[in-house]
Amino acid sequence: MRKEYIPLREANMTEQLSKASLGLVVIAVVMVFMAGLTDIYWVASWIGRPFPRSVPLEPEAAQAFALPDIIGSLLMYLGAVGLLRRRTWGFYLTLIAMGMSFGSSLFFLSLTKTAFLNILGPTIFFTLFTLIYLWLQRRLFFEHETKM
């Protein structure tokens, strides 16, 4: 039997693709927690046990954010699964979810000025970190799909 020669660089790349990336795991876990907290907030308000209002909005106006928040949390759950499985759809869903999170955070920042920067600051940082990290690591998603 003749053994096939695989260059070391290609062997390392294959091994790297088969291992879970710690960055992707961290991003997926944080996304699940963000989505869970969003869902808890809205479920509590719907069952009559709302959290104290932190944004100076009329209740009717605040309710308008329920649907985009729930859609965003669903995208975060699905994106987290897709990231861990390193699927192309997970990459795209996470980009969409982080784009929604970034837009929402900037909107609330414009409403509250810097009063809630202690909450919005880490969210904006995580969102930007995720978008940049995923863009730099996009080969993990596209090379994995073609190897299967």
N, C-alpha and C. Protein backbone atom coordinates (compact mmCIF):
# COMPACT_ATOMS: atom_id res chain seq x y z
N MET A 1 0.82 -1.19 0.00
CA MET A 1 0.00 0.00 0.00
C MET A 1 0.86 1.24 0.00
N ARG A 2 0.47 2.14 -0.80
CA ARG A 2 1.21 3.39 -0.89
C ARG A 2 0.47 4.48 -0.13
N LYS A 3 1.17 5.15 0.78
CA LYS A 3 0.56 6.25 1.52
C LYS A 3 0.59 7.51 0.68
N GLU A 4 -0.52 8.21 0.74
CA GLU A 4 -0.62 9.44 -0.03
C GLU A 4 0.06 10.57 0.75
N TYR A 5 0.84 11.34 0.05
CA TYR A 5 1.55 12.46 0.67
C TYR A 5 0.60 13.66 0.80
N ILE A 6 0.45 14.16 2.02
CA ILE A 6 -0.34 15.36 2.28
C ILE A 6 0.60 16.39 2.85
N PRO A 7 0.75 17.51 2.18
CA PRO A 7 1.64 18.55 2.71
C PRO A 7 1.23 18.95 4.12
N LEU A 8 2.22 19.30 4.94
CA LEU A 8 1.98 19.64 6.34
C LEU A 8 1.00 20.80 6.47
N ARG A 9 1.15 21.79 5.63
CA ARG A 9 0.26 22.95 5.71
C ARG A 9 -1.19 22.55 5.47
N GLU A 10 -1.43 21.70 4.48
CA GLU A 10 -2.79 21.25 4.19
C GLU A 10 -3.33 20.38 5.32
N ALA A 11 -2.48 19.55 5.90
CA ALA A 11 -2.91 18.70 7.02
C ALA A 11 -3.30 19.56 8.21
N ASN A 12 -2.52 20.60 8.51
CA ASN A 12 -2.85 21.49 9.61
C ASN A 12 -4.16 22.23 9.36
N MET A 13 -4.40 22.61 8.12
CA MET A 13 -5.62 23.32 7.79
C MET A 13 -6.84 22.42 7.97
N THR A 14 -6.72 21.16 7.56
CA THR A 14 -7.81 20.21 7.73
C THR A 14 -8.07 19.98 9.21
N GLU A 15 -7.02 19.85 9.99
CA GLU A 15 -7.17 19.66 11.44
C GLU A 15 -7.81 20.89 12.07
N GLN A 16 -7.41 22.08 11.62
CA GLN A 16 -7.95 23.32 12.16
C GLN A 16 -9.44 23.43 11.83
N LEU A 17 -9.85 23.02 10.63
CA LEU A 17 -11.25 23.09 10.26
C LEU A 17 -12.10 22.12 11.05
N SER A 18 -11.53 20.98 11.47
CA SER A 18 -12.31 19.99 12.19
C SER A 18 -12.48 20.34 13.67
N LYS A 19 -11.64 21.20 14.21
CA LYS A 19 -11.75 21.61 15.60
C LYS A 19 -12.72 22.76 15.76
N ALA A 20 -13.39 22.80 16.89
CA ALA A 20 -14.27 23.93 17.18
C ALA A 20 -13.41 25.15 17.52
N SER A 21 -13.72 26.25 16.93
CA SER A 21 -13.01 27.49 17.20
C SER A 21 -13.53 28.09 18.51
N LEU A 22 -12.62 28.40 19.41
CA LEU A 22 -13.01 28.97 20.70
C LEU A 22 -13.75 30.29 20.51
N GLY A 23 -13.32 31.10 19.55
CA GLY A 23 -14.00 32.36 19.28
C GLY A 23 -15.45 32.15 18.89
N LEU A 24 -15.72 31.14 18.05
CA LEU A 24 -17.08 30.85 17.63
C LEU A 24 -17.92 30.35 18.79
N VAL A 25 -17.32 29.56 19.66
CA VAL A 25 -18.05 29.07 20.84
C VAL A 25 -18.43 30.22 21.75
N VAL A 26 -17.49 31.12 22.01
CA VAL A 26 -17.77 32.28 22.87
C VAL A 26 -18.88 33.14 22.27
N ILE A 27 -18.78 33.41 20.98
CA ILE A 27 -19.80 34.22 20.32
C ILE A 27 -21.16 33.54 20.40
N ALA A 28 -21.21 32.24 20.14
CA ALA A 28 -22.48 31.51 20.19
C ALA A 28 -23.09 31.54 21.59
N VAL A 29 -22.28 31.34 22.61
CA VAL A 29 -22.79 31.35 23.99
C VAL A 29 -23.33 32.73 24.36
N VAL A 30 -22.60 33.78 24.04
CA VAL A 30 -23.06 35.14 24.36
C VAL A 30 -24.34 35.45 23.59
N MET A 31 -24.43 35.02 22.34
CA MET A 31 -25.65 35.26 21.56
C MET A 31 -26.85 34.56 22.19
N VAL A 32 -26.67 33.35 22.68
CA VAL A 32 -27.78 32.63 23.32
C VAL A 32 -28.22 33.37 24.58
N PHE A 33 -27.27 33.87 25.37
CA PHE A 33 -27.64 34.63 26.57
C PHE A 33 -28.33 35.94 26.21
N MET A 34 -27.85 36.64 25.19
CA MET A 34 -28.50 37.88 24.76
C MET A 34 -29.93 37.61 24.31
N ALA A 35 -30.11 36.57 23.52
CA ALA A 35 -31.45 36.22 23.04
C ALA A 35 -32.35 35.80 24.20
N GLY A 36 -31.81 35.04 25.12
CA GLY A 36 -32.59 34.61 26.28
C GLY A 36 -33.04 35.77 27.14
N LEU A 37 -32.15 36.72 27.38
CA LEU A 37 -32.52 37.90 28.17
C LEU A 37 -33.58 38.73 27.46
N THR A 38 -33.46 38.85 26.15
CA THR A 38 -34.48 39.58 25.39
C THR A 38 -35.83 38.89 25.51
N ASP A 39 -35.84 37.56 25.38
CA ASP A 39 -37.10 36.82 25.49
C ASP A 39 -37.70 36.93 26.89
N ILE A 40 -36.86 36.86 27.92
CA ILE A 40 -37.35 37.00 29.30
C ILE A 40 -37.98 38.36 29.51
N TYR A 41 -37.35 39.40 28.97
CA TYR A 41 -37.90 40.76 29.11
C TYR A 41 -39.30 40.84 28.52
N TRP A 42 -39.48 40.33 27.29
CA TRP A 42 -40.77 40.46 26.63
C TRP A 42 -41.81 39.52 27.22
N VAL A 43 -41.44 38.32 27.59
CA VAL A 43 -42.39 37.40 28.22
C VAL A 43 -42.87 37.98 29.55
N ALA A 44 -41.96 38.55 30.32
CA ALA A 44 -42.35 39.17 31.61
C ALA A 44 -43.33 40.31 31.38
N SER A 45 -43.11 41.11 30.36
CA SER A 45 -44.03 42.22 30.12
C SER A 45 -45.38 41.72 29.63
N TRP A 46 -45.40 40.63 28.86
CA TRP A 46 -46.67 40.10 28.35
C TRP A 46 -47.49 39.41 29.43
N ILE A 47 -46.85 38.85 30.45
CA ILE A 47 -47.62 38.20 31.52
C ILE A 47 -47.93 39.16 32.67
N GLY A 48 -47.63 40.42 32.46
CA GLY A 48 -48.01 41.42 33.45
C GLY A 48 -46.99 41.68 34.54
N ARG A 49 -45.77 41.23 34.37
CA ARG A 49 -44.70 41.45 35.35
C ARG A 49 -43.52 42.16 34.69
N PRO A 50 -43.77 43.33 34.09
CA PRO A 50 -42.70 43.99 33.33
C PRO A 50 -41.58 44.50 34.23
N PHE A 51 -40.41 44.59 33.63
CA PHE A 51 -39.27 45.20 34.31
C PHE A 51 -39.51 46.71 34.35
N PRO A 52 -38.91 47.41 35.29
CA PRO A 52 -39.08 48.87 35.31
C PRO A 52 -38.60 49.48 34.00
N ARG A 53 -39.32 50.47 33.53
CA ARG A 53 -38.96 51.15 32.28
C ARG A 53 -37.66 51.89 32.44
N SER A 54 -36.79 51.70 31.46
CA SER A 54 -35.50 52.38 31.50
C SER A 54 -35.39 53.42 30.40
N VAL A 55 -36.28 53.32 29.42
CA VAL A 55 -36.25 54.24 28.29
C VAL A 55 -37.51 55.10 28.34
N PRO A 56 -37.36 56.41 28.20
CA PRO A 56 -38.52 57.30 28.28
C PRO A 56 -39.42 57.22 27.03
N LEU A 57 -40.15 56.10 26.92
CA LEU A 57 -41.07 55.91 25.80
C LEU A 57 -42.47 55.61 26.34
N GLU A 58 -43.46 55.99 25.57
CA GLU A 58 -44.83 55.61 25.91
C GLU A 58 -44.94 54.08 25.81
N PRO A 59 -45.78 53.46 26.64
CA PRO A 59 -45.91 51.99 26.59
C PRO A 59 -46.28 51.46 25.20
N GLU A 60 -47.15 52.18 24.49
CA GLU A 60 -47.53 51.74 23.15
C GLU A 60 -46.34 51.77 22.19
N ALA A 61 -45.53 52.80 22.32
CA ALA A 61 -44.34 52.90 21.46
C ALA A 61 -43.33 51.81 21.81
N ALA A 62 -43.19 51.52 23.09
CA ALA A 62 -42.25 50.48 23.52
C ALA A 62 -42.68 49.11 23.00
N GLN A 63 -43.99 48.86 22.94
CA GLN A 63 -44.49 47.58 22.45
C GLN A 63 -44.15 47.36 20.97
N ALA A 64 -43.91 48.43 20.25
CA ALA A 64 -43.57 48.32 18.83
C ALA A 64 -42.23 47.62 18.63
N PHE A 65 -41.40 47.55 19.68
CA PHE A 65 -40.09 46.92 19.56
C PHE A 65 -40.13 45.42 19.86
N ALA A 66 -41.29 44.91 20.27
CA ALA A 66 -41.38 43.50 20.62
C ALA A 66 -41.09 42.59 19.43
N LEU A 67 -41.74 42.83 18.32
CA LEU A 67 -41.56 41.95 17.16
C LEU A 67 -40.13 41.95 16.63
N PRO A 68 -39.51 43.13 16.42
CA PRO A 68 -38.11 43.08 15.97
C PRO A 68 -37.18 42.41 16.99
N ASP A 69 -37.44 42.60 18.28
CA ASP A 69 -36.61 41.96 19.30
C ASP A 69 -36.76 40.44 19.27
N ILE A 70 -37.99 39.96 19.13
CA ILE A 70 -38.22 38.51 19.09
C ILE A 70 -37.61 37.91 17.83
N ILE A 71 -37.75 38.60 16.69
CA ILE A 71 -37.12 38.12 15.46
C ILE A 71 -35.60 38.10 15.61
N GLY A 72 -35.05 39.15 16.23
CA GLY A 72 -33.60 39.19 16.46
C GLY A 72 -33.14 38.07 17.37
N SER A 73 -33.93 37.76 18.41
CA SER A 73 -33.51 36.68 19.31
C SER A 73 -33.60 35.32 18.60
N LEU A 74 -34.60 35.14 17.76
CA LEU A 74 -34.70 33.89 17.00
C LEU A 74 -33.50 33.75 16.06
N LEU A 75 -33.12 34.85 15.41
CA LEU A 75 -31.94 34.82 14.54
C LEU A 75 -30.67 34.52 15.34
N MET A 76 -30.59 35.03 16.57
CA MET A 76 -29.41 34.74 17.40
C MET A 76 -29.35 33.26 17.78
N TYR A 77 -30.50 32.67 18.15
CA TYR A 77 -30.50 31.23 18.48
C TYR A 77 -30.06 30.40 17.27
N LEU A 78 -30.68 30.67 16.12
CA LEU A 78 -30.35 29.90 14.93
C LEU A 78 -28.90 30.17 14.48
N GLY A 79 -28.48 31.42 14.56
CA GLY A 79 -27.11 31.76 14.20
C GLY A 79 -26.10 31.06 15.08
N ALA A 80 -26.40 30.96 16.38
CA ALA A 80 -25.49 30.29 17.31
C ALA A 80 -25.33 28.81 16.94
N VAL A 81 -26.43 28.16 16.61
CA VAL A 81 -26.36 26.75 16.18
C VAL A 81 -25.54 26.64 14.90
N GLY A 82 -25.81 27.53 13.96
CA GLY A 82 -25.08 27.51 12.70
C GLY A 82 -23.60 27.79 12.85
N LEU A 83 -23.25 28.68 13.80
CA LEU A 83 -21.83 28.95 14.05
C LEU A 83 -21.13 27.72 14.59
N LEU A 84 -21.76 27.05 15.56
CA LEU A 84 -21.14 25.88 16.16
C LEU A 84 -21.00 24.74 15.15
N ARG A 85 -21.92 24.66 14.22
CA ARG A 85 -21.83 23.63 13.17
C ARG A 85 -21.02 24.10 11.97
N ARG A 86 -20.60 25.34 12.01
CA ARG A 86 -19.83 25.99 10.95
C ARG A 86 -20.51 25.86 9.60
N ARG A 87 -21.76 26.29 9.58
CA ARG A 87 -22.54 26.29 8.35
C ARG A 87 -22.61 27.70 7.78
N THR A 88 -22.71 27.80 6.49
CA THR A 88 -22.78 29.09 5.83
C THR A 88 -24.02 29.86 6.29
N TRP A 89 -25.16 29.17 6.44
CA TRP A 89 -26.37 29.84 6.89
C TRP A 89 -26.21 30.41 8.29
N GLY A 90 -25.42 29.76 9.14
CA GLY A 90 -25.15 30.28 10.48
C GLY A 90 -24.36 31.57 10.42
N PHE A 91 -23.42 31.62 9.50
CA PHE A 91 -22.62 32.83 9.28
C PHE A 91 -23.53 33.98 8.88
N TYR A 92 -24.40 33.75 7.90
CA TYR A 92 -25.28 34.81 7.42
C TYR A 92 -26.32 35.22 8.47
N LEU A 93 -26.92 34.25 9.15
CA LEU A 93 -27.92 34.59 10.18
C LEU A 93 -27.28 35.38 11.32
N THR A 94 -26.06 35.03 11.68
CA THR A 94 -25.37 35.77 12.74
C THR A 94 -25.06 37.20 12.28
N LEU A 95 -24.63 37.36 11.05
CA LEU A 95 -24.39 38.71 10.54
C LEU A 95 -25.67 39.55 10.58
N ILE A 96 -26.79 38.96 10.19
CA ILE A 96 -28.07 39.68 10.22
C ILE A 96 -28.46 40.02 11.65
N ALA A 97 -28.35 39.03 12.55
CA ALA A 97 -28.71 39.26 13.96
C ALA A 97 -27.83 40.34 14.59
N MET A 98 -26.54 40.31 14.30
CA MET A 98 -25.64 41.32 14.87
C MET A 98 -25.89 42.70 14.25
N GLY A 99 -26.27 42.72 12.98
CA GLY A 99 -26.64 43.99 12.36
C GLY A 99 -27.88 44.57 13.01
N MET A 100 -28.86 43.72 13.29
CA MET A 100 -30.06 44.18 13.99
C MET A 100 -29.72 44.67 15.40
N SER A 101 -28.87 43.94 16.09
CA SER A 101 -28.47 44.32 17.45
C SER A 101 -27.73 45.66 17.44
N PHE A 102 -26.86 45.84 16.47
CA PHE A 102 -26.10 47.08 16.37
C PHE A 102 -27.04 48.26 16.09
N GLY A 103 -27.94 48.09 15.16
CA GLY A 103 -28.90 49.15 14.85
C GLY A 103 -29.79 49.49 16.03
N SER A 104 -30.27 48.47 16.71
CA SER A 104 -31.11 48.68 17.89
C SER A 104 -30.34 49.40 19.00
N SER A 105 -29.11 48.98 19.22
CA SER A 105 -28.28 49.62 20.26
C SER A 105 -28.02 51.08 19.94
N LEU A 106 -27.72 51.38 18.69
CA LEU A 106 -27.49 52.77 18.31
C LEU A 106 -28.77 53.60 18.43
N PHE A 107 -29.91 53.00 18.12
CA PHE A 107 -31.18 53.70 18.27
C PHE A 107 -31.45 54.04 19.73
N PHE A 108 -31.27 53.05 20.62
CA PHE A 108 -31.48 53.32 22.05
C PHE A 108 -30.46 54.28 22.60
N LEU A 109 -29.26 54.24 22.09
CA LEU A 109 -28.23 55.19 22.50
C LEU A 109 -28.65 56.61 22.11
N SER A 110 -29.27 56.76 20.95
CA SER A 110 -29.73 58.09 20.53
C SER A 110 -30.89 58.57 21.39
N LEU A 111 -31.73 57.64 21.89
CA LEU A 111 -32.84 58.03 22.75
C LEU A 111 -32.39 58.41 24.15
N THR A 112 -31.45 57.66 24.68
CA THR A 112 -31.05 57.82 26.07
C THR A 112 -29.78 58.63 26.26
N LYS A 113 -29.19 59.07 25.16
CA LYS A 113 -27.90 59.78 25.18
C LYS A 113 -26.87 58.86 25.81
N THR A 114 -26.20 59.28 26.86
CA THR A 114 -25.19 58.40 27.48
C THR A 114 -25.67 57.83 28.81
N ALA A 115 -26.96 57.98 29.12
CA ALA A 115 -27.48 57.51 30.41
C ALA A 115 -27.35 56.00 30.57
N PHE A 116 -27.45 55.25 29.48
CA PHE A 116 -27.38 53.79 29.56
C PHE A 116 -26.17 53.23 28.83
N LEU A 117 -25.12 54.00 28.79
CA LEU A 117 -23.91 53.55 28.10
C LEU A 117 -23.30 52.34 28.81
N ASN A 118 -23.54 52.21 30.12
CA ASN A 118 -23.02 51.04 30.84
C ASN A 118 -23.65 49.74 30.36
N ILE A 119 -24.85 49.81 29.79
CA ILE A 119 -25.50 48.62 29.23
C ILE A 119 -25.23 48.52 27.73
N LEU A 120 -25.38 49.64 27.05
CA LEU A 120 -25.25 49.63 25.60
C LEU A 120 -23.79 49.52 25.13
N GLY A 121 -22.86 50.03 25.92
CA GLY A 121 -21.45 49.97 25.55
C GLY A 121 -20.95 48.56 25.32
N PRO A 122 -21.13 47.64 26.29
CA PRO A 122 -20.69 46.26 26.06
C PRO A 122 -21.44 45.58 24.91
N THR A 123 -22.71 45.92 24.73
CA THR A 123 -23.47 45.32 23.63
C THR A 123 -22.91 45.77 22.29
N ILE A 124 -22.63 47.06 22.18
CA ILE A 124 -22.05 47.58 20.93
C ILE A 124 -20.66 46.99 20.70
N PHE A 125 -19.87 46.88 21.76
CA PHE A 125 -18.53 46.28 21.64
C PHE A 125 -18.63 44.84 21.16
N PHE A 126 -19.50 44.04 21.79
CA PHE A 126 -19.65 42.64 21.40
C PHE A 126 -20.12 42.52 19.95
N THR A 127 -21.07 43.36 19.58
CA THR A 127 -21.61 43.31 18.22
C THR A 127 -20.52 43.62 17.20
N LEU A 128 -19.77 44.66 17.43
CA LEU A 128 -18.69 45.02 16.50
C LEU A 128 -17.61 43.95 16.47
N PHE A 129 -17.25 43.43 17.65
CA PHE A 129 -16.26 42.35 17.72
C PHE A 129 -16.73 41.14 16.91
N THR A 130 -17.99 40.77 17.07
CA THR A 130 -18.53 39.61 16.36
C THR A 130 -18.51 39.81 14.86
N LEU A 131 -18.96 40.98 14.42
CA LEU A 131 -18.97 41.26 12.98
C LEU A 131 -17.56 41.21 12.39
N ILE A 132 -16.60 41.81 13.07
CA ILE A 132 -15.21 41.83 12.58
C ILE A 132 -14.61 40.43 12.63
N TYR A 133 -14.81 39.72 13.74
CA TYR A 133 -14.26 38.36 13.89
C TYR A 133 -14.80 37.43 12.81
N LEU A 134 -16.12 37.47 12.61
CA LEU A 134 -16.71 36.59 11.60
C LEU A 134 -16.20 36.92 10.20
N TRP A 135 -16.05 38.19 9.93
CA TRP A 135 -15.56 38.55 8.60
C TRP A 135 -14.13 38.04 8.40
N LEU A 136 -13.30 38.17 9.43
CA LEU A 136 -11.92 37.71 9.30
C LEU A 136 -11.83 36.18 9.26
N GLN A 137 -12.80 35.49 9.85
CA GLN A 137 -12.78 34.03 9.90
C GLN A 137 -13.77 33.39 8.91
N ARG A 138 -14.23 34.14 7.94
CA ARG A 138 -15.26 33.64 7.02
C ARG A 138 -14.83 32.39 6.26
N ARG A 139 -13.55 32.19 6.08
CA ARG A 139 -13.08 31.00 5.36
C ARG A 139 -13.47 29.71 6.08
N LEU A 140 -13.63 29.77 7.40
CA LEU A 140 -14.05 28.58 8.16
C LEU A 140 -15.41 28.07 7.70
N PHE A 141 -16.26 28.96 7.26
CA PHE A 141 -17.62 28.59 6.87
C PHE A 141 -17.69 28.15 5.42
N PHE A 142 -16.93 28.81 4.57
CA PHE A 142 -17.05 28.53 3.13
C PHE A 142 -16.17 27.35 2.72
N GLU A 143 -15.02 27.16 3.33
CA GLU A 143 -14.18 26.00 3.01
C GLU A 143 -14.78 24.74 3.57
N HIS A 144 -15.42 24.85 4.73
CA HIS A 144 -16.05 23.68 5.36
C HIS A 144 -17.18 23.15 4.49
N GLU A 145 -17.97 24.02 3.91
CA GLU A 145 -19.09 23.61 3.07
C GLU A 145 -18.61 22.87 1.83
N THR A 146 -17.50 23.31 1.25
CA THR A 146 -17.03 22.66 0.02
C THR A 146 -16.32 21.34 0.29
N LYS A 147 -15.82 21.13 1.49
CA LYS A 147 -15.10 19.89 1.82
C LYS A 147 -16.06 18.75 2.08
N MET A 148 -17.32 19.05 2.39
CA MET A 148 -18.26 17.99 2.77
C MET A 148 -18.83 17.25 1.61
